C-alpha atoms as a PDB file:
ATOM      1  CA  MET A   1       0.003  -0.027   0.004  1.00  0.00           C
ATOM      2  CA  SER A   2       1.351   3.402  -0.942  1.00  0.00           C
ATOM      3  CA  THR A   3       1.644   6.410   1.405  1.00  0.00           C
ATOM      4  CA  GLN A   4      -1.168   7.970  -0.663  1.00  0.00           C
ATOM      5  CA  ASP A   5      -3.454   5.068   0.030  1.00  0.00           C
ATOM      6  CA  PHE A   6      -2.527   5.046   3.660  1.00  0.00           C
ATOM      7  CA  ASP A   7      -3.468   8.614   3.931  1.00  0.00           C
ATOM      8  CA  ALA A   8      -6.783   8.004   2.189  1.00  0.00           C
ATOM      9  CA  LEU A   9      -7.825   5.580   4.965  1.00  0.00           C
ATOM     10  CA  LYS A  10      -7.044   7.940   7.812  1.00  0.00           C
ATOM     11  CA  LEU A  11      -9.578   9.513  10.236  1.00  0.00           C
ATOM     12  CA  SER A  12      -9.755  13.301  10.522  1.00  0.00           C
ATOM     13  CA  ASN A  13      -8.797  14.974  13.703  1.00  0.00           C
ATOM     14  CA  ALA A  14     -12.537  15.359  14.563  1.00  0.00           C
ATOM     15  CA  GLN A  15     -13.073  11.694  13.934  1.00  0.00           C
ATOM     16  CA  ILE A  16     -10.187  10.765  16.231  1.00  0.00           C
ATOM     17  CA  ALA A  17     -11.502  13.068  18.960  1.00  0.00           C
ATOM     18  CA  TRP A  18     -14.984  11.571  18.523  1.00  0.00           C
ATOM     19  CA  ARG A  19     -13.597   8.032  18.911  1.00  0.00           C
ATOM     20  CA  ALA A  20     -11.741   8.956  22.116  1.00  0.00           C
ATOM     21  CA  ALA A  21     -14.892  10.554  23.501  1.00  0.00           C
ATOM     22  CA  GLN A  22     -16.748   7.261  23.282  1.00  0.00           C
ATOM     23  CA  ASP A  23     -14.546   5.652  25.791  1.00  0.00           C
ATOM     24  CA  ILE A  24     -15.061   8.276  28.498  1.00  0.00           C
ATOM     25  CA  ALA A  25     -17.445   6.738  31.072  1.00  0.00           C
ATOM     26  CA  ASP A  26     -20.340   8.633  32.716  1.00  0.00           C
ATOM     27  CA  GLY A  27     -19.241  10.768  35.649  1.00  0.00           C
ATOM     28  CA  THR A  28     -15.593  10.857  34.642  1.00  0.00           C
ATOM     29  CA  TYR A  29     -13.358  13.743  35.584  1.00  0.00           C
ATOM     30  CA  VAL A  30     -11.336  14.727  32.586  1.00  0.00           C
ATOM     31  CA  ASN A  31      -8.592  17.193  31.740  1.00  0.00           C
ATOM     32  CA  LEU A  32      -8.156  18.041  27.982  1.00  0.00           C
ATOM     33  CA  GLY A  33      -4.851  19.215  26.698  1.00  0.00           C
ATOM     34  CA  ILE A  34      -4.381  22.396  24.760  1.00  0.00           C
ATOM     35  CA  GLY A  35      -5.225  22.357  21.023  1.00  0.00           C
ATOM     36  CA  PHE A  36      -6.396  19.047  19.414  1.00  0.00           C
ATOM     37  CA  PRO A  37      -7.591  17.382  22.543  1.00  0.00           C
ATOM     38  CA  GLU A  38      -9.927  20.228  23.288  1.00  0.00           C
ATOM     39  CA  MET A  39     -12.054  18.866  20.397  1.00  0.00           C
ATOM     40  CA  VAL A  40     -13.011  15.770  22.519  1.00  0.00           C
ATOM     41  CA  ALA A  41     -15.484  18.008  24.534  1.00  0.00           C
ATOM     42  CA  ARG A  42     -17.579  18.475  21.368  1.00  0.00           C
ATOM     43  CA  TYR A  43     -18.428  14.766  20.980  1.00  0.00           C
ATOM     44  CA  GLN A  44     -19.632  13.445  24.282  1.00  0.00           C
ATOM     45  CA  PRO A  45     -22.211  10.683  23.824  1.00  0.00           C
ATOM     46  CA  PRO A  46     -25.840  11.665  24.677  1.00  0.00           C
ATOM     47  CA  GLY A  47     -26.791  10.787  28.292  1.00  0.00           C
ATOM     48  CA  ARG A  48     -23.277  10.765  29.647  1.00  0.00           C
ATOM     49  CA  GLN A  49     -21.937  13.460  32.005  1.00  0.00           C
ATOM     50  CA  THR A  50     -18.328  14.316  31.722  1.00  0.00           C
ATOM     51  CA  ILE A  51     -16.865  16.781  34.153  1.00  0.00           C
ATOM     52  CA  PHE A  52     -14.184  18.683  32.419  1.00  0.00           C
ATOM     53  CA  HIS A  53     -11.286  20.327  34.383  1.00  0.00           C
ATOM     54  CA  THR A  54      -8.897  22.983  33.174  1.00  0.00           C
ATOM     55  CA  GLU A  55      -5.712  24.050  34.789  1.00  0.00           C
ATOM     56  CA  ASN A  56      -6.521  27.698  34.911  1.00  0.00           C
ATOM     57  CA  GLY A  57      -9.286  26.998  37.428  1.00  0.00           C
ATOM     58  CA  ILE A  58     -12.675  25.819  36.114  1.00  0.00           C
ATOM     59  CA  LEU A  59     -14.427  22.527  36.864  1.00  0.00           C
ATOM     60  CA  ASP A  60     -17.433  21.384  34.730  1.00  0.00           C
ATOM     61  CA  PHE A  61     -17.242  23.654  31.688  1.00  0.00           C
ATOM     62  CA  GLY A  62     -19.309  23.045  28.599  1.00  0.00           C
ATOM     63  CA  GLU A  63     -19.064  23.346  24.800  1.00  0.00           C
ATOM     64  CA  PRO A  64     -17.686  26.462  23.168  1.00  0.00           C
ATOM     65  CA  PRO A  65     -20.202  29.259  22.789  1.00  0.00           C
ATOM     66  CA  ALA A  66     -21.561  30.324  19.444  1.00  0.00           C
ATOM     67  CA  GLU A  67     -19.391  32.726  17.517  1.00  0.00           C
ATOM     68  CA  GLY A  68     -20.082  36.321  18.789  1.00  0.00           C
ATOM     69  CA  GLU A  69     -21.420  35.079  22.122  1.00  0.00           C
ATOM     70  CA  GLU A  70     -18.006  34.521  23.810  1.00  0.00           C
ATOM     71  CA  ASP A  71     -17.380  35.784  27.363  1.00  0.00           C
ATOM     72  CA  TRP A  72     -13.567  36.225  27.316  1.00  0.00           C
ATOM     73  CA  ASP A  73     -13.494  36.049  31.147  1.00  0.00           C
ATOM     74  CA  LEU A  74     -14.488  32.360  30.644  1.00  0.00           C
ATOM     75  CA  ILE A  75     -11.652  30.550  28.997  1.00  0.00           C
ATOM     76  CA  ASN A  76      -9.878  27.278  29.275  1.00  0.00           C
ATOM     77  CA  ALA A  77      -6.105  26.732  29.514  1.00  0.00           C
ATOM     78  CA  GLY A  78      -5.806  27.075  25.802  1.00  0.00           C
ATOM     79  CA  LYS A  79      -7.359  30.541  25.922  1.00  0.00           C
ATOM     80  CA  ARG A  80     -10.488  29.263  24.056  1.00  0.00           C
ATOM     81  CA  ALA A  81     -13.941  30.562  25.236  1.00  0.00           C
ATOM     82  CA  VAL A  82     -15.953  28.005  27.101  1.00  0.00           C
ATOM     83  CA  THR A  83     -19.481  27.843  28.616  1.00  0.00           C
ATOM     84  CA  LEU A  84     -20.363  26.725  32.034  1.00  0.00           C
ATOM     85  CA  LYS A  85     -22.652  23.849  33.128  1.00  0.00           C
ATOM     86  CA  PRO A  86     -25.002  24.212  36.150  1.00  0.00           C
ATOM     87  CA  GLY A  87     -22.796  23.720  39.271  1.00  0.00           C
ATOM     88  CA  ALA A  88     -19.592  24.669  37.699  1.00  0.00           C
ATOM     89  CA  ALA A  89     -16.812  25.849  40.069  1.00  0.00           C
ATOM     90  CA  PHE A  90     -13.931  28.361  39.875  1.00  0.00           C
ATOM     91  CA  PHE A  91     -10.775  28.060  41.942  1.00  0.00           C
ATOM     92  CA  HIS A  92      -7.232  29.276  42.309  1.00  0.00           C
ATOM     93  CA  HIS A  93      -4.478  27.930  39.943  1.00  0.00           C
ATOM     94  CA  ALA A  94      -2.783  26.325  42.856  1.00  0.00           C
ATOM     95  CA  ASP A  95      -5.916  24.517  43.932  1.00  0.00           C
ATOM     96  CA  SER A  96      -6.272  23.307  40.267  1.00  0.00           C
ATOM     97  CA  PHE A  97      -2.903  21.699  40.366  1.00  0.00           C
ATOM     98  CA  ALA A  98      -3.580  20.269  43.838  1.00  0.00           C
ATOM     99  CA  MET A  99      -6.446  18.435  42.131  1.00  0.00           C
ATOM    100  CA  VAL A 100      -4.141  17.153  39.391  1.00  0.00           C
ATOM    101  CA  ARG A 101      -1.248  16.141  41.707  1.00  0.00           C
ATOM    102  CA  GLY A 102      -3.670  14.651  44.327  1.00  0.00           C
ATOM    103  CA  GLY A 103      -5.020  12.067  41.843  1.00  0.00           C
ATOM    104  CA  HIS A 104      -8.496  13.553  41.531  1.00  0.00           C
ATOM    105  CA  LEU A 105      -8.684  13.307  37.771  1.00  0.00           C
ATOM    106  CA  ASP A 106      -9.739  10.057  36.052  1.00  0.00           C
ATOM    107  CA  VAL A 107      -8.414  10.726  32.593  1.00  0.00           C
ATOM    108  CA  ALA A 108      -6.073  13.302  30.906  1.00  0.00           C
ATOM    109  CA  ILE A 109      -6.189  13.429  27.106  1.00  0.00           C
ATOM    110  CA  LEU A 110      -3.179  14.951  25.395  1.00  0.00           C
ATOM    111  CA  GLY A 111      -1.541  15.240  21.999  1.00  0.00           C
ATOM    112  CA  ALA A 112       1.909  13.839  21.224  1.00  0.00           C
ATOM    113  CA  TYR A 113       5.007  14.203  19.173  1.00  0.00           C
ATOM    114  CA  GLN A 114       5.967  10.615  20.091  1.00  0.00           C
ATOM    115  CA  VAL A 115       4.719   7.716  22.238  1.00  0.00           C
ATOM    116  CA  ALA A 116       7.021   4.892  23.177  1.00  0.00           C
ATOM    117  CA  GLU A 117       5.909   1.316  23.432  1.00  0.00           C
ATOM    118  CA  THR A 118       6.836   1.618  27.182  1.00  0.00           C
ATOM    119  CA  GLY A 119       4.212   4.299  27.602  1.00  0.00           C
ATOM    120  CA  ASP A 120       6.670   7.197  27.673  1.00  0.00           C
ATOM    121  CA  LEU A 121       5.275  10.380  26.194  1.00  0.00           C
ATOM    122  CA  ALA A 122       6.934  13.310  24.399  1.00  0.00           C
ATOM    123  CA  ASN A 123       4.668  16.200  23.657  1.00  0.00           C
ATOM    124  CA  TRP A 124       6.920  19.133  23.873  1.00  0.00           C
ATOM    125  CA  ARG A 125      10.279  19.955  22.240  1.00  0.00           C
ATOM    126  CA  ILE A 126      12.923  22.708  22.238  1.00  0.00           C
ATOM    127  CA  GLY A 127      13.988  24.906  19.301  1.00  0.00           C
ATOM    128  CA  SER A 128      12.516  27.668  17.228  1.00  0.00           C
ATOM    129  CA  LYS A 129       9.300  25.740  16.368  1.00  0.00           C
ATOM    130  CA  GLY A 130       9.054  23.961  19.726  1.00  0.00           C
ATOM    131  CA  VAL A 131       7.013  24.410  22.776  1.00  0.00           C
ATOM    132  CA  PRO A 132       9.145  26.485  25.234  1.00  0.00           C
ATOM    133  CA  ALA A 133       8.559  24.269  28.286  1.00  0.00           C
ATOM    134  CA  VAL A 134       6.821  21.031  29.360  1.00  0.00           C
ATOM    135  CA  GLY A 135       4.237  22.986  31.356  1.00  0.00           C
ATOM    136  CA  GLY A 136       1.478  21.347  33.330  1.00  0.00           C
ATOM    137  CA  ALA A 137       1.450  18.277  31.155  1.00  0.00           C
ATOM    138  CA  MET A 138       4.160  16.725  33.373  1.00  0.00           C
ATOM    139  CA  ASP A 139       1.759  16.910  36.311  1.00  0.00           C
ATOM    140  CA  LEU A 140      -1.235  15.630  34.356  1.00  0.00           C
ATOM    141  CA  VAL A 141       0.476  12.473  33.056  1.00  0.00           C
ATOM    142  CA  HIS A 142       1.415  11.303  36.567  1.00  0.00           C
ATOM    143  CA  GLY A 143      -1.590  12.759  38.436  1.00  0.00           C
ATOM    144  CA  ALA A 144      -4.435  11.331  36.230  1.00  0.00           C
ATOM    145  CA  ARG A 145      -5.362   7.719  36.590  1.00  0.00           C
ATOM    146  CA  GLN A 146      -5.386   7.180  32.878  1.00  0.00           C
ATOM    147  CA  VAL A 147      -3.649   9.078  30.097  1.00  0.00           C
ATOM    148  CA  PHE A 148      -5.128   8.860  26.572  1.00  0.00           C
ATOM    149  CA  VAL A 149      -3.219  10.264  23.574  1.00  0.00           C
ATOM    150  CA  ILE A 150      -4.846  11.437  20.383  1.00  0.00           C
ATOM    151  CA  THR A 151      -2.612  11.860  17.359  1.00  0.00           C
ATOM    152  CA  GLU A 152      -1.841  11.225  13.715  1.00  0.00           C
ATOM    153  CA  HIS A 153      -0.275   7.876  13.179  1.00  0.00           C
ATOM    154  CA  VAL A 154       2.683   9.367  11.415  1.00  0.00           C
ATOM    155  CA  THR A 155       4.296  12.775  11.027  1.00  0.00           C
ATOM    156  CA  LYS A 156       3.712  15.113   8.032  1.00  0.00           C
ATOM    157  CA  ASP A 157       6.790  13.570   6.408  1.00  0.00           C
ATOM    158  CA  GLY A 158       5.702   9.946   7.057  1.00  0.00           C
ATOM    159  CA  LYS A 159       7.786   9.137  10.131  1.00  0.00           C
ATOM    160  CA  PRO A 160       6.239   6.983  12.888  1.00  0.00           C
ATOM    161  CA  LYS A 161       4.943   8.780  15.990  1.00  0.00           C
ATOM    162  CA  LEU A 162       4.643   5.463  17.774  1.00  0.00           C
ATOM    163  CA  VAL A 163       8.208   4.299  18.510  1.00  0.00           C
ATOM    164  CA  GLU A 164      10.392   2.054  20.540  1.00  0.00           C
ATOM    165  CA  ARG A 165      11.993   4.976  22.416  1.00  0.00           C
ATOM    166  CA  CYS A 166      11.186   8.744  22.280  1.00  0.00           C
ATOM    167  CA  SER A 167      13.848  10.978  20.747  1.00  0.00           C
ATOM    168  CA  PHE A 168      12.138  14.176  21.892  1.00  0.00           C
ATOM    169  CA  PRO A 169      12.293  15.398  25.566  1.00  0.00           C
ATOM    170  CA  LEU A 170       9.955  13.276  27.704  1.00  0.00           C
ATOM    171  CA  THR A 171       6.849  14.686  29.278  1.00  0.00           C
ATOM    172  CA  GLY A 172       6.422  11.541  31.409  1.00  0.00           C
ATOM    173  CA  VAL A 173       7.647   7.978  31.844  1.00  0.00           C
ATOM    174  CA  ALA A 174       5.494   4.911  31.477  1.00  0.00           C
ATOM    175  CA  CYS A 175       2.282   7.052  31.737  1.00  0.00           C
ATOM    176  CA  VAL A 176       0.272   6.516  28.556  1.00  0.00           C
ATOM    177  CA  THR A 177      -2.660   4.058  28.775  1.00  0.00           C
ATOM    178  CA  ARG A 178      -4.167   4.190  25.334  1.00  0.00           C
ATOM    179  CA  VAL A 179      -3.412   5.822  21.986  1.00  0.00           C
ATOM    180  CA  TYR A 180      -6.060   6.915  19.370  1.00  0.00           C
ATOM    181  CA  THR A 181      -4.467   7.501  16.102  1.00  0.00           C
ATOM    182  CA  SER A 182      -5.726   8.343  12.583  1.00  0.00           C
ATOM    183  CA  HIS A 183      -5.482   4.640  11.712  1.00  0.00           C
ATOM    184  CA  ALA A 184      -5.671   2.608  14.981  1.00  0.00           C
ATOM    185  CA  VAL A 185      -6.632   2.239  18.660  1.00  0.00           C
ATOM    186  CA  ILE A 186      -3.774   0.837  20.566  1.00  0.00           C
ATOM    187  CA  ASP A 187      -3.353   0.036  24.267  1.00  0.00           C
ATOM    188  CA  ILE A 188      -0.025  -0.112  26.102  1.00  0.00           C
ATOM    189  CA  VAL A 189       0.183  -3.175  28.124  1.00  0.00           C
ATOM    190  CA  GLU A 190       3.383  -4.303  29.971  1.00  0.00           C
ATOM    191  CA  GLY A 191       5.695  -2.261  27.703  1.00  0.00           C
ATOM    192  CA  ARG A 192       3.991  -3.409  24.402  1.00  0.00           C
ATOM    193  CA  PHE A 193       1.706  -1.788  21.868  1.00  0.00           C
ATOM    194  CA  VAL A 194      -1.405  -3.965  21.716  1.00  0.00           C
ATOM    195  CA  LEU A 195      -3.632  -3.282  18.677  1.00  0.00           C
ATOM    196  CA  ARG A 196      -7.389  -3.129  19.472  1.00  0.00           C
ATOM    197  CA  GLU A 197      -8.883  -1.438  16.387  1.00  0.00           C
ATOM    198  CA  MET A 198      -7.705  -0.512  12.877  1.00  0.00           C
ATOM    199  CA  ARG A 199      -9.165   1.152   9.886  1.00  0.00           C
ATOM    200  CA  PRO A 200     -11.231  -1.097   7.563  1.00  0.00           C
ATOM    201  CA  GLY A 201      -9.183  -1.928   4.320  1.00  0.00           C
ATOM    202  CA  LEU A 202      -5.829  -1.445   6.104  1.00  0.00           C
ATOM    203  CA  ALA A 203      -3.579  -4.493   6.217  1.00  0.00           C
ATOM    204  CA  PHE A 204      -1.818  -5.297   9.449  1.00  0.00           C
ATOM    205  CA  ASP A 205       1.499  -5.465   7.743  1.00  0.00           C
ATOM    206  CA  THR A 206       0.963  -1.924   6.374  1.00  0.00           C
ATOM    207  CA  LEU A 207       0.091  -0.499   9.718  1.00  0.00           C
ATOM    208  CA  GLN A 208       3.207  -2.293  11.205  1.00  0.00           C
ATOM    209  CA  ALA A 209       5.327  -0.779   8.546  1.00  0.00           C
ATOM    210  CA  MET A 210       4.065   2.742   9.610  1.00  0.00           C
ATOM    211  CA  THR A 211       4.750   2.013  13.242  1.00  0.00           C
ATOM    212  CA  GLY A 212       8.202   2.393  14.811  1.00  0.00           C
ATOM    213  CA  ALA A 213       7.844  -0.561  17.259  1.00  0.00           C
ATOM    214  CA  ALA A 214       6.258  -3.997  17.212  1.00  0.00           C
ATOM    215  CA  LEU A 215       2.445  -4.180  17.208  1.00  0.00           C
ATOM    216  CA  HIS A 216       0.968  -7.075  19.225  1.00  0.00           C
ATOM    217  CA  ARG A 217      -2.442  -8.716  19.037  1.00  0.00           C
ATOM    218  CA  ASP A 218      -3.809 -10.635  21.978  1.00  0.00           C
ATOM    219  CA  GLY A 219      -7.413 -10.958  20.822  1.00  0.00           C
ATOM    220  CA  PRO A 220      -9.772  -9.791  18.069  1.00  0.00           C
ATOM    221  CA  VAL A 221      -8.893  -6.584  16.242  1.00  0.00           C
ATOM    222  CA  THR A 222     -12.088  -4.719  15.348  1.00  0.00           C
ATOM    223  CA  ASP A 223     -12.715  -2.088  12.777  1.00  0.00           C
ATOM    224  CA  LEU A 224     -12.072   1.506  13.728  1.00  0.00           C
ATOM    225  CA  LEU A 225     -15.084   3.438  12.654  1.00  0.00           C
ATOM    226  CA  ALA A 226     -16.316   7.003  13.053  1.00  0.00           C
ATOM    227  CA  PRO A 227     -19.110   9.108  11.550  1.00  0.00           C
ATOM    228  CA  ALA A 228     -18.390  11.762   9.019  1.00  0.00           C
ATOM    229  CA  LEU A 229     -17.727  14.908  11.027  1.00  0.00           C
ATOM    230  CA  TYR A 230     -16.754  18.505  10.581  1.00  0.00           C
ATOM    231  CA  SER A 231     -15.109  20.710  13.164  1.00  0.00           C
ATOM    232  CA  PRO A 232     -13.511  24.146  12.716  1.00  0.00           C
ATOM    233  CA  LEU A 233     -10.584  22.817  14.734  1.00  0.00           C
ATOM    234  CA  ALA A 234     -10.135  19.810  12.447  1.00  0.00           C
END
């Protein structure tokens, strides 16, 4: 399969975010990383309540307001306008990180430059095009009970983002639980990438060739499906 064919089978960012949202259980406390992970809040299944936390001091915010109706005193850590759900709370930045470090979050959902088969995460880098510091992600990856990563399966120039060992500076060690990519859903189990879902029409050998570490199967691998979606952040 060519790179062009591989690209043709990929999910959009909105679809990856939708797929991750389906695994968030009712009543879960969740922190969404800045940028791409924020899209997960748009796709909560009907009837489920997810309590979203943001490092700058809001608990239980809702979807973005309609364009032109933003209240710029109500923003998340990524400086995007949010709405509030009934019962939402405000608190000091220090209290917010006490929640994170105290193990009060069930899930953190983050983007990634690289994820290692050991569960190591690299989602920042130095240099002129890099993020200047690791920031609160280093607290989130070891404070949350589970860490989900949403990402493209490969970089823009076709290099694997799922690797044996990260070459970028680490955000956290052995912290990632599950990875949702444009082509697969992969768990990290005892230092191995375990394939759970993959795109219909994609051969296992092709997915393996686009992955920088061994993929393992310890049960049925189901189709990775998502509805057609549009998001302005996609």
